[in-house]
Full PDB file with SEQRES, HELIX, SHEET, SSBOND, CRYST1, ORIGX, SCALE, CONECT and MASTER records, all heavy atoms in Angstrom:
SEQRES   1 A   35  ALA LEU PHE TYR ARG TYR GLU VAL VAL ALA LEU ALA LEU          
SEQRES   2 A   35  ILE ILE PHE GLY VAL ALA PHE ILE LEU ILE GLU ASN TRP          
SEQRES   3 A   35  ASN LYS GLY ARG SER PRO ARG ILE ASN                          
HELIX    1 AA1 TYR A    6  ASN A   27  1                                  22    
CRYST1    1.000    1.000    1.000  90.00  90.00  90.00 P 1           1          
ORIGX1      1.000000  0.000000  0.000000        0.00000                         
ORIGX2      0.000000  1.000000  0.000000        0.00000                         
ORIGX3      0.000000  0.000000  1.000000        0.00000                         
SCALE1      1.000000  0.000000  0.000000        0.00000                         
SCALE2      0.000000  1.000000  0.000000        0.00000                         
SCALE3      0.000000  0.000000  1.000000        0.00000                         
ATOM      1  N   ALA A   1    -141.115 -25.880 -46.934  1.00  0.00           N  
ATOM      2  CA  ALA A   1    -140.263 -25.341 -45.841  1.00  0.00           C  
ATOM      3  C   ALA A   1    -140.689 -23.927 -45.455  1.00  0.00           C  
ATOM      4  O   ALA A   1    -140.686 -23.578 -44.282  1.00  0.00           O  
ATOM      5  CB  ALA A   1    -138.798 -25.355 -46.286  1.00  0.00           C  
ATOM      6  N   LEU A   2    -141.116 -23.135 -46.479  1.00  0.00           N  
ATOM      7  CA  LEU A   2    -141.465 -21.745 -46.187  1.00  0.00           C  
ATOM      8  C   LEU A   2    -142.880 -21.573 -45.602  1.00  0.00           C  
ATOM      9  O   LEU A   2    -143.076 -20.761 -44.701  1.00  0.00           O  
ATOM     10  CB  LEU A   2    -141.374 -20.922 -47.471  1.00  0.00           C  
ATOM     11  CG  LEU A   2    -139.949 -20.602 -47.972  1.00  0.00           C  
ATOM     12  CD1 LEU A   2    -140.037 -19.930 -49.312  1.00  0.00           C  
ATOM     13  CD2 LEU A   2    -139.201 -19.722 -46.994  1.00  0.00           C  
ATOM     14  N   PHE A   3    -143.837 -22.332 -46.153  1.00  0.00           N  
ATOM     15  CA  PHE A   3    -145.250 -22.018 -45.880  1.00  0.00           C  
ATOM     16  C   PHE A   3    -146.020 -23.112 -45.135  1.00  0.00           C  
ATOM     17  O   PHE A   3    -147.159 -22.862 -44.759  1.00  0.00           O  
ATOM     18  CB  PHE A   3    -145.957 -21.732 -47.167  1.00  0.00           C  
ATOM     19  CG  PHE A   3    -145.418 -20.519 -47.929  1.00  0.00           C  
ATOM     20  CD1 PHE A   3    -144.910 -20.655 -49.194  1.00  0.00           C  
ATOM     21  CD2 PHE A   3    -145.350 -19.266 -47.319  1.00  0.00           C  
ATOM     22  CE1 PHE A   3    -144.395 -19.544 -49.875  1.00  0.00           C  
ATOM     23  CE2 PHE A   3    -144.871 -18.187 -47.980  1.00  0.00           C  
ATOM     24  CZ  PHE A   3    -144.345 -18.319 -49.243  1.00  0.00           C  
ATOM     25  N   TYR A   4    -145.399 -24.303 -44.951  1.00  0.00           N  
ATOM     26  CA  TYR A   4    -146.208 -25.341 -44.268  1.00  0.00           C  
ATOM     27  C   TYR A   4    -146.113 -25.095 -42.745  1.00  0.00           C  
ATOM     28  O   TYR A   4    -145.513 -25.827 -42.023  1.00  0.00           O  
ATOM     29  CB  TYR A   4    -145.688 -26.724 -44.612  1.00  0.00           C  
ATOM     30  CG  TYR A   4    -146.717 -27.823 -44.313  1.00  0.00           C  
ATOM     31  CD1 TYR A   4    -147.681 -28.145 -45.204  1.00  0.00           C  
ATOM     32  CD2 TYR A   4    -146.672 -28.489 -43.093  1.00  0.00           C  
ATOM     33  CE1 TYR A   4    -148.605 -29.112 -44.946  1.00  0.00           C  
ATOM     34  CE2 TYR A   4    -147.629 -29.494 -42.835  1.00  0.00           C  
ATOM     35  CZ  TYR A   4    -148.566 -29.769 -43.763  1.00  0.00           C  
ATOM     36  OH  TYR A   4    -149.513 -30.756 -43.453  1.00  0.00           O  
ATOM     37  N   ARG A   5    -146.802 -23.997 -42.341  1.00  0.00           N  
ATOM     38  CA  ARG A   5    -146.865 -23.586 -40.940  1.00  0.00           C  
ATOM     39  C   ARG A   5    -148.314 -23.279 -40.630  1.00  0.00           C  
ATOM     40  O   ARG A   5    -149.081 -22.858 -41.454  1.00  0.00           O  
ATOM     41  CB  ARG A   5    -145.997 -22.405 -40.667  1.00  0.00           C  
ATOM     42  CG  ARG A   5    -144.511 -22.539 -41.083  1.00  0.00           C  
ATOM     43  CD  ARG A   5    -143.666 -21.513 -40.437  1.00  0.00           C  
ATOM     44  NE  ARG A   5    -144.131 -20.155 -40.657  1.00  0.00           N  
ATOM     45  CZ  ARG A   5    -143.850 -19.359 -41.666  1.00  0.00           C  
ATOM     46  NH1 ARG A   5    -142.974 -19.836 -42.600  1.00  0.00           N  
ATOM     47  NH2 ARG A   5    -144.302 -18.165 -41.799  1.00  0.00           N  
ATOM     48  N   TYR A   6    -148.656 -23.461 -39.350  1.00  0.00           N  
ATOM     49  CA  TYR A   6    -150.042 -23.259 -38.978  1.00  0.00           C  
ATOM     50  C   TYR A   6    -150.544 -21.872 -39.236  1.00  0.00           C  
ATOM     51  O   TYR A   6    -151.727 -21.613 -39.534  1.00  0.00           O  
ATOM     52  CB  TYR A   6    -150.261 -23.689 -37.498  1.00  0.00           C  
ATOM     53  CG  TYR A   6    -149.846 -22.656 -36.472  1.00  0.00           C  
ATOM     54  CD1 TYR A   6    -150.745 -21.679 -36.041  1.00  0.00           C  
ATOM     55  CD2 TYR A   6    -148.547 -22.666 -35.951  1.00  0.00           C  
ATOM     56  CE1 TYR A   6    -150.361 -20.755 -35.064  1.00  0.00           C  
ATOM     57  CE2 TYR A   6    -148.212 -21.729 -35.011  1.00  0.00           C  
ATOM     58  CZ  TYR A   6    -149.093 -20.801 -34.578  1.00  0.00           C  
ATOM     59  OH  TYR A   6    -148.716 -19.851 -33.645  1.00  0.00           O  
ATOM     60  N   GLU A   7    -149.665 -20.867 -39.076  1.00  0.00           N  
ATOM     61  CA  GLU A   7    -150.081 -19.466 -39.319  1.00  0.00           C  
ATOM     62  C   GLU A   7    -150.531 -19.255 -40.754  1.00  0.00           C  
ATOM     63  O   GLU A   7    -151.522 -18.607 -41.040  1.00  0.00           O  
ATOM     64  CB  GLU A   7    -148.947 -18.470 -38.990  1.00  0.00           C  
ATOM     65  CG  GLU A   7    -148.438 -18.543 -37.586  1.00  0.00           C  
ATOM     66  CD  GLU A   7    -147.195 -19.384 -37.429  1.00  0.00           C  
ATOM     67  OE1 GLU A   7    -147.036 -20.344 -38.291  1.00  0.00           O  
ATOM     68  OE2 GLU A   7    -146.401 -19.147 -36.521  1.00  0.00           O  
ATOM     69  N   VAL A   8    -149.755 -19.833 -41.729  1.00  0.00           N  
ATOM     70  CA  VAL A   8    -150.084 -19.678 -43.137  1.00  0.00           C  
ATOM     71  C   VAL A   8    -151.385 -20.436 -43.426  1.00  0.00           C  
ATOM     72  O   VAL A   8    -152.237 -19.912 -44.148  1.00  0.00           O  
ATOM     73  CB  VAL A   8    -148.951 -20.245 -43.994  1.00  0.00           C  
ATOM     74  CG1 VAL A   8    -149.297 -20.166 -45.495  1.00  0.00           C  
ATOM     75  CG2 VAL A   8    -147.680 -19.455 -43.744  1.00  0.00           C  
ATOM     76  N   VAL A   9    -151.542 -21.616 -42.908  1.00  0.00           N  
ATOM     77  CA  VAL A   9    -152.726 -22.412 -43.121  1.00  0.00           C  
ATOM     78  C   VAL A   9    -153.964 -21.659 -42.609  1.00  0.00           C  
ATOM     79  O   VAL A   9    -154.982 -21.542 -43.316  1.00  0.00           O  
ATOM     80  CB  VAL A   9    -152.615 -23.797 -42.453  1.00  0.00           C  
ATOM     81  CG1 VAL A   9    -153.968 -24.547 -42.536  1.00  0.00           C  
ATOM     82  CG2 VAL A   9    -151.537 -24.647 -43.120  1.00  0.00           C  
ATOM     83  N   ALA A  10    -153.853 -21.157 -41.410  1.00  0.00           N  
ATOM     84  CA  ALA A  10    -154.999 -20.447 -40.798  1.00  0.00           C  
ATOM     85  C   ALA A  10    -155.380 -19.190 -41.601  1.00  0.00           C  
ATOM     86  O   ALA A  10    -156.551 -18.927 -41.869  1.00  0.00           O  
ATOM     87  CB  ALA A  10    -154.645 -20.057 -39.360  1.00  0.00           C  
ATOM     88  N   LEU A  11    -154.376 -18.402 -41.961  1.00  0.00           N  
ATOM     89  CA  LEU A  11    -154.631 -17.177 -42.754  1.00  0.00           C  
ATOM     90  C   LEU A  11    -155.246 -17.525 -44.115  1.00  0.00           C  
ATOM     91  O   LEU A  11    -156.164 -16.815 -44.598  1.00  0.00           O  
ATOM     92  CB  LEU A  11    -153.367 -16.384 -42.923  1.00  0.00           C  
ATOM     93  CG  LEU A  11    -152.835 -15.669 -41.697  1.00  0.00           C  
ATOM     94  CD1 LEU A  11    -151.482 -14.984 -41.983  1.00  0.00           C  
ATOM     95  CD2 LEU A  11    -153.855 -14.621 -41.241  1.00  0.00           C  
ATOM     96  N   ALA A  12    -154.766 -18.597 -44.770  1.00  0.00           N  
ATOM     97  CA  ALA A  12    -155.298 -18.988 -46.077  1.00  0.00           C  
ATOM     98  C   ALA A  12    -156.768 -19.435 -45.910  1.00  0.00           C  
ATOM     99  O   ALA A  12    -157.626 -19.096 -46.761  1.00  0.00           O  
ATOM    100  CB  ALA A  12    -154.492 -20.105 -46.664  1.00  0.00           C  
ATOM    101  N   LEU A  13    -157.068 -20.149 -44.858  1.00  0.00           N  
ATOM    102  CA  LEU A  13    -158.435 -20.560 -44.580  1.00  0.00           C  
ATOM    103  C   LEU A  13    -159.358 -19.314 -44.436  1.00  0.00           C  
ATOM    104  O   LEU A  13    -160.429 -19.272 -45.060  1.00  0.00           O  
ATOM    105  CB  LEU A  13    -158.512 -21.365 -43.265  1.00  0.00           C  
ATOM    106  CG  LEU A  13    -158.060 -22.849 -43.368  1.00  0.00           C  
ATOM    107  CD1 LEU A  13    -157.836 -23.399 -41.973  1.00  0.00           C  
ATOM    108  CD2 LEU A  13    -159.095 -23.649 -44.091  1.00  0.00           C  
ATOM    109  N   ILE A  14    -158.902 -18.312 -43.671  1.00  0.00           N  
ATOM    110  CA  ILE A  14    -159.726 -17.146 -43.392  1.00  0.00           C  
ATOM    111  C   ILE A  14    -159.897 -16.297 -44.662  1.00  0.00           C  
ATOM    112  O   ILE A  14    -160.982 -15.881 -45.015  1.00  0.00           O  
ATOM    113  CB  ILE A  14    -159.124 -16.322 -42.242  1.00  0.00           C  
ATOM    114  CG1 ILE A  14    -159.199 -17.136 -40.943  1.00  0.00           C  
ATOM    115  CG2 ILE A  14    -159.832 -14.997 -42.106  1.00  0.00           C  
ATOM    116  CD1 ILE A  14    -158.383 -16.522 -39.796  1.00  0.00           C  
ATOM    117  N   ILE A  15    -158.775 -16.049 -45.333  1.00  0.00           N  
ATOM    118  CA  ILE A  15    -158.787 -15.177 -46.526  1.00  0.00           C  
ATOM    119  C   ILE A  15    -159.709 -15.736 -47.597  1.00  0.00           C  
ATOM    120  O   ILE A  15    -160.536 -15.020 -48.189  1.00  0.00           O  
ATOM    121  CB  ILE A  15    -157.376 -14.923 -47.044  1.00  0.00           C  
ATOM    122  CG1 ILE A  15    -156.585 -14.056 -46.068  1.00  0.00           C  
ATOM    123  CG2 ILE A  15    -157.398 -14.269 -48.443  1.00  0.00           C  
ATOM    124  CD1 ILE A  15    -155.117 -13.961 -46.368  1.00  0.00           C  
ATOM    125  N   PHE A  16    -159.555 -17.037 -47.901  1.00  0.00           N  
ATOM    126  CA  PHE A  16    -160.412 -17.581 -48.934  1.00  0.00           C  
ATOM    127  C   PHE A  16    -161.853 -17.808 -48.448  1.00  0.00           C  
ATOM    128  O   PHE A  16    -162.772 -17.848 -49.257  1.00  0.00           O  
ATOM    129  CB  PHE A  16    -159.806 -18.888 -49.452  1.00  0.00           C  
ATOM    130  CG  PHE A  16    -158.996 -18.711 -50.713  1.00  0.00           C  
ATOM    131  CD1 PHE A  16    -157.771 -18.142 -50.649  1.00  0.00           C  
ATOM    132  CD2 PHE A  16    -159.505 -19.057 -51.967  1.00  0.00           C  
ATOM    133  CE1 PHE A  16    -156.998 -17.926 -51.789  1.00  0.00           C  
ATOM    134  CE2 PHE A  16    -158.774 -18.835 -53.116  1.00  0.00           C  
ATOM    135  CZ  PHE A  16    -157.518 -18.270 -53.022  1.00  0.00           C  
ATOM    136  N   GLY A  17    -162.037 -17.919 -47.163  1.00  0.00           N  
ATOM    137  CA  GLY A  17    -163.404 -17.953 -46.619  1.00  0.00           C  
ATOM    138  C   GLY A  17    -164.103 -16.606 -46.899  1.00  0.00           C  
ATOM    139  O   GLY A  17    -165.243 -16.600 -47.360  1.00  0.00           O  
ATOM    140  N   VAL A  18    -163.400 -15.560 -46.614  1.00  0.00           N  
ATOM    141  CA  VAL A  18    -163.935 -14.209 -46.920  1.00  0.00           C  
ATOM    142  C   VAL A  18    -164.159 -14.075 -48.402  1.00  0.00           C  
ATOM    143  O   VAL A  18    -165.187 -13.515 -48.828  1.00  0.00           O  
ATOM    144  CB  VAL A  18    -162.982 -13.123 -46.404  1.00  0.00           C  
ATOM    145  CG1 VAL A  18    -163.434 -11.713 -46.866  1.00  0.00           C  
ATOM    146  CG2 VAL A  18    -162.909 -13.142 -44.873  1.00  0.00           C  
ATOM    147  N   ALA A  19    -163.222 -14.594 -49.215  1.00  0.00           N  
ATOM    148  CA  ALA A  19    -163.388 -14.466 -50.678  1.00  0.00           C  
ATOM    149  C   ALA A  19    -164.644 -15.165 -51.181  1.00  0.00           C  
ATOM    150  O   ALA A  19    -165.368 -14.648 -52.028  1.00  0.00           O  
ATOM    151  CB  ALA A  19    -162.139 -15.085 -51.352  1.00  0.00           C  
ATOM    152  N   PHE A  20    -164.923 -16.370 -50.642  1.00  0.00           N  
ATOM    153  CA  PHE A  20    -166.187 -17.064 -51.041  1.00  0.00           C  
ATOM    154  C   PHE A  20    -167.400 -16.220 -50.776  1.00  0.00           C  
ATOM    155  O   PHE A  20    -168.303 -16.116 -51.606  1.00  0.00           O  
ATOM    156  CB  PHE A  20    -166.291 -18.370 -50.247  1.00  0.00           C  
ATOM    157  CG  PHE A  20    -165.729 -19.534 -51.032  1.00  0.00           C  
ATOM    158  CD1 PHE A  20    -164.708 -20.307 -50.500  1.00  0.00           C  
ATOM    159  CD2 PHE A  20    -166.268 -19.906 -52.249  1.00  0.00           C  
ATOM    160  CE1 PHE A  20    -164.203 -21.397 -51.184  1.00  0.00           C  
ATOM    161  CE2 PHE A  20    -165.734 -21.015 -52.953  1.00  0.00           C  
ATOM    162  CZ  PHE A  20    -164.727 -21.782 -52.414  1.00  0.00           C  
ATOM    163  N   ILE A  21    -167.449 -15.625 -49.581  1.00  0.00           N  
ATOM    164  CA  ILE A  21    -168.622 -14.828 -49.202  1.00  0.00           C  
ATOM    165  C   ILE A  21    -168.748 -13.582 -50.108  1.00  0.00           C  
ATOM    166  O   ILE A  21    -169.807 -13.265 -50.602  1.00  0.00           O  
ATOM    167  CB  ILE A  21    -168.499 -14.389 -47.731  1.00  0.00           C  
ATOM    168  CG1 ILE A  21    -168.567 -15.666 -46.841  1.00  0.00           C  
ATOM    169  CG2 ILE A  21    -169.660 -13.412 -47.352  1.00  0.00           C  
ATOM    170  CD1 ILE A  21    -168.215 -15.394 -45.378  1.00  0.00           C  
ATOM    171  N   LEU A  22    -167.655 -12.887 -50.289  1.00  0.00           N  
ATOM    172  CA  LEU A  22    -167.658 -11.678 -51.174  1.00  0.00           C  
ATOM    173  C   LEU A  22    -168.032 -12.002 -52.615  1.00  0.00           C  
ATOM    174  O   LEU A  22    -168.854 -11.290 -53.235  1.00  0.00           O  
ATOM    175  CB  LEU A  22    -166.292 -10.971 -51.093  1.00  0.00           C  
ATOM    176  CG  LEU A  22    -165.890 -10.331 -49.752  1.00  0.00           C  
ATOM    177  CD1 LEU A  22    -164.503  -9.736 -49.835  1.00  0.00           C  
ATOM    178  CD2 LEU A  22    -166.933  -9.300 -49.309  1.00  0.00           C  
ATOM    179  N   ILE A  23    -167.455 -13.076 -53.145  1.00  0.00           N  
ATOM    180  CA  ILE A  23    -167.742 -13.422 -54.539  1.00  0.00           C  
ATOM    181  C   ILE A  23    -169.184 -13.867 -54.741  1.00  0.00           C  
ATOM    182  O   ILE A  23    -169.824 -13.522 -55.713  1.00  0.00           O  
ATOM    183  CB  ILE A  23    -166.754 -14.489 -55.008  1.00  0.00           C  
ATOM    184  CG1 ILE A  23    -165.317 -13.879 -55.140  1.00  0.00           C  
ATOM    185  CG2 ILE A  23    -167.131 -15.094 -56.372  1.00  0.00           C  
ATOM    186  CD1 ILE A  23    -164.242 -14.882 -55.362  1.00  0.00           C  
ATOM    187  N   GLU A  24    -169.669 -14.625 -53.765  1.00  0.00           N  
ATOM    188  CA  GLU A  24    -171.065 -15.068 -53.859  1.00  0.00           C  
ATOM    189  C   GLU A  24    -172.038 -13.875 -53.799  1.00  0.00           C  
ATOM    190  O   GLU A  24    -173.014 -13.804 -54.524  1.00  0.00           O  
ATOM    191  CB  GLU A  24    -171.420 -16.092 -52.797  1.00  0.00           C  
ATOM    192  CG  GLU A  24    -170.830 -17.482 -53.067  1.00  0.00           C  
ATOM    193  CD  GLU A  24    -171.507 -18.191 -54.230  1.00  0.00           C  
ATOM    194  OE1 GLU A  24    -172.231 -17.586 -55.018  1.00  0.00           O  
ATOM    195  OE2 GLU A  24    -171.223 -19.420 -54.383  1.00  0.00           O  
ATOM    196  N   ASN A  25    -171.710 -12.885 -52.909  1.00  0.00           N  
ATOM    197  CA  ASN A  25    -172.543 -11.690 -52.841  1.00  0.00           C  
ATOM    198  C   ASN A  25    -172.431 -10.896 -54.174  1.00  0.00           C  
ATOM    199  O   ASN A  25    -173.442 -10.378 -54.639  1.00  0.00           O  
ATOM    200  CB  ASN A  25    -172.083 -10.823 -51.661  1.00  0.00           C  
ATOM    201  CG  ASN A  25    -172.504 -11.398 -50.325  1.00  0.00           C  
ATOM    202  OD1 ASN A  25    -173.437 -12.168 -50.258  1.00  0.00           O  
ATOM    203  ND2 ASN A  25    -171.788 -11.044 -49.276  1.00  0.00           N  
ATOM    204  N   TRP A  26    -171.274 -10.834 -54.748  1.00  0.00           N  
ATOM    205  CA  TRP A  26    -171.057 -10.102 -55.995  1.00  0.00           C  
ATOM    206  C   TRP A  26    -171.774 -10.821 -57.168  1.00  0.00           C  
ATOM    207  O   TRP A  26    -172.308 -10.188 -58.039  1.00  0.00           O  
ATOM    208  CB  TRP A  26    -169.548 -10.053 -56.276  1.00  0.00           C  
ATOM    209  CG  TRP A  26    -169.208  -9.392 -57.588  1.00  0.00           C  
ATOM    210  CD1 TRP A  26    -169.281  -8.062 -57.902  1.00  0.00           C  
ATOM    211  CD2 TRP A  26    -168.727 -10.059 -58.791  1.00  0.00           C  
ATOM    212  NE1 TRP A  26    -168.870  -7.848 -59.200  1.00  0.00           N  
ATOM    213  CE2 TRP A  26    -168.491  -9.057 -59.776  1.00  0.00           C  
ATOM    214  CE3 TRP A  26    -168.436 -11.366 -59.119  1.00  0.00           C  
ATOM    215  CZ2 TRP A  26    -168.045  -9.343 -61.011  1.00  0.00           C  
ATOM    216  CZ3 TRP A  26    -167.982 -11.665 -60.376  1.00  0.00           C  
ATOM    217  CH2 TRP A  26    -167.785 -10.631 -61.322  1.00  0.00           C  
ATOM    218  N   ASN A  27    -171.813 -12.193 -57.110  1.00  0.00           N  
ATOM    219  CA  ASN A  27    -172.447 -12.915 -58.148  1.00  0.00           C  
ATOM    220  C   ASN A  27    -173.960 -12.994 -58.036  1.00  0.00           C  
ATOM    221  O   ASN A  27    -174.645 -13.405 -58.996  1.00  0.00           O  
ATOM    222  CB  ASN A  27    -171.961 -14.405 -58.100  1.00  0.00           C  
ATOM    223  CG  ASN A  27    -170.766 -14.642 -59.012  1.00  0.00           C  
ATOM    224  OD1 ASN A  27    -170.521 -13.828 -59.942  1.00  0.00           O  
ATOM    225  ND2 ASN A  27    -169.994 -15.692 -58.797  1.00  0.00           N  
ATOM    226  N   LYS A  28    -174.504 -12.577 -56.915  1.00  0.00           N  
ATOM    227  CA  LYS A  28    -175.954 -12.650 -56.701  1.00  0.00           C  
ATOM    228  C   LYS A  28    -176.687 -11.840 -57.780  1.00  0.00           C  
ATOM    229  O   LYS A  28    -176.430 -10.672 -57.977  1.00  0.00           O  
ATOM    230  CB  LYS A  28    -176.312 -12.126 -55.318  1.00  0.00           C  
ATOM    231  CG  LYS A  28    -177.713 -12.459 -54.903  1.00  0.00           C  
ATOM    232  CD  LYS A  28    -177.978 -12.068 -53.426  1.00  0.00           C  
ATOM    233  CE  LYS A  28    -179.361 -12.453 -52.995  1.00  0.00           C  
ATOM    234  NZ  LYS A  28    -179.615 -12.081 -51.581  1.00  0.00           N  
ATOM    235  N   GLY A  29    -177.596 -12.504 -58.469  1.00  0.00           N  
ATOM    236  CA  GLY A  29    -178.370 -11.842 -59.487  1.00  0.00           C  
ATOM    237  C   GLY A  29    -177.700 -11.829 -60.865  1.00  0.00           C  
ATOM    238  O   GLY A  29    -178.319 -11.456 -61.848  1.00  0.00           O  
ATOM    239  N   ARG A  30    -176.409 -12.290 -60.911  1.00  0.00           N  
ATOM    240  CA  ARG A  30    -175.722 -12.324 -62.217  1.00  0.00           C  
ATOM    241  C   ARG A  30    -175.940 -13.723 -62.852  1.00  0.00           C  
ATOM    242  O   ARG A  30    -176.008 -14.735 -62.156  1.00  0.00           O  
ATOM    243  CB  ARG A  30    -174.252 -12.100 -62.027  1.00  0.00           C  
ATOM    244  CG  ARG A  30    -173.902 -10.692 -61.544  1.00  0.00           C  
ATOM    245  CD  ARG A  30    -172.419 -10.593 -61.188  1.00  0.00           C  
ATOM    246  NE  ARG A  30    -172.073  -9.274 -60.671  1.00  0.00           N  
ATOM    247  CZ  ARG A  30    -171.598  -8.297 -61.406  1.00  0.00           C  
ATOM    248  NH1 ARG A  30    -171.376  -8.471 -62.700  1.00  0.00           N  
ATOM    249  NH2 ARG A  30    -171.312  -7.129 -60.856  1.00  0.00           N  
ATOM    250  N   SER A  31    -175.974 -13.750 -64.121  1.00  0.00           N  
ATOM    251  CA  SER A  31    -176.083 -15.020 -64.843  1.00  0.00           C  
ATOM    252  C   SER A  31    -174.709 -15.429 -65.303  1.00  0.00           C  
ATOM    253  O   SER A  31    -174.001 -14.646 -65.954  1.00  0.00           O  
ATOM    254  CB  SER A  31    -177.015 -14.855 -66.066  1.00  0.00           C  
ATOM    255  OG  SER A  31    -178.315 -14.532 -65.669  1.00  0.00           O  
ATOM    256  N   PRO A  32    -174.297 -16.677 -65.006  1.00  0.00           N  
ATOM    257  CA  PRO A  32    -172.980 -17.106 -65.465  1.00  0.00           C  
ATOM    258  C   PRO A  32    -172.918 -17.201 -66.986  1.00  0.00           C  
ATOM    259  O   PRO A  32    -173.919 -17.514 -67.662  1.00  0.00           O  
ATOM    260  CB  PRO A  32    -172.866 -18.517 -64.846  1.00  0.00           C  
ATOM    261  CG  PRO A  32    -174.239 -18.954 -64.578  1.00  0.00           C  
ATOM    262  CD  PRO A  32    -174.999 -17.718 -64.233  1.00  0.00           C  
ATOM    263  N   ARG A  33    -171.795 -16.927 -67.564  1.00  0.00           N  
ATOM    264  CA  ARG A  33    -171.615 -16.974 -69.017  1.00  0.00           C  
ATOM    265  C   ARG A  33    -171.142 -18.302 -69.496  1.00  0.00           C  
ATOM    266  O   ARG A  33    -171.153 -18.589 -70.708  1.00  0.00           O  
ATOM    267  CB  ARG A  33    -170.667 -15.858 -69.464  1.00  0.00           C  
ATOM    268  CG  ARG A  33    -169.265 -15.954 -68.946  1.00  0.00           C  
ATOM    269  CD  ARG A  33    -168.390 -14.799 -69.438  1.00  0.00           C  
ATOM    270  NE  ARG A  33    -167.007 -14.928 -68.991  1.00  0.00           N  
ATOM    271  CZ  ARG A  33    -166.089 -15.684 -69.635  1.00  0.00           C  
ATOM    272  NH1 ARG A  33    -166.374 -16.352 -70.716  1.00  0.00           N  
ATOM    273  NH2 ARG A  33    -164.868 -15.747 -69.130  1.00  0.00           N  
ATOM    274  N   ILE A  34    -170.669 -19.150 -68.585  1.00  0.00           N  
ATOM    275  CA  ILE A  34    -170.212 -20.500 -68.951  1.00  0.00           C  
ATOM    276  C   ILE A  34    -171.074 -21.497 -68.152  1.00  0.00           C  
ATOM    277  O   ILE A  34    -170.943 -21.613 -66.956  1.00  0.00           O  
ATOM    278  CB  ILE A  34    -168.730 -20.671 -68.664  1.00  0.00           C  
ATOM    279  CG1 ILE A  34    -167.904 -19.680 -69.507  1.00  0.00           C  
ATOM    280  CG2 ILE A  34    -168.290 -22.115 -68.919  1.00  0.00           C  
ATOM    281  CD1 ILE A  34    -166.401 -19.713 -69.163  1.00  0.00           C  
ATOM    282  N   ASN A  35    -171.903 -22.284 -68.856  1.00  0.00           N  
ATOM    283  CA  ASN A  35    -172.832 -23.169 -68.199  1.00  0.00           C  
ATOM    284  C   ASN A  35    -172.663 -24.646 -68.551  1.00  0.00           C  
ATOM    285  O   ASN A  35    -173.395 -25.482 -68.046  1.00  0.00           O  
ATOM    286  CB  ASN A  35    -174.266 -22.759 -68.564  1.00  0.00           C  
ATOM    287  CG  ASN A  35    -174.624 -21.390 -67.992  1.00  0.00           C  
ATOM    288  OD1 ASN A  35    -174.854 -21.195 -66.808  1.00  0.00           O  
ATOM    289  ND2 ASN A  35    -174.690 -20.372 -68.872  1.00  0.00           N  
TER     290      ASN A  35                                                      
MASTER        0    0    0    1    0    0    0    6  289    1    0    3          
END                                                                             
């Protein structure tokens, strides 16, 4: 009832899209510790 609205969906899409890009840039050159 609170969050199933197009504004929330759109913002979540954008925010986590940015998060993917930032985290991948941050991870570049780093070796994962769990393989």
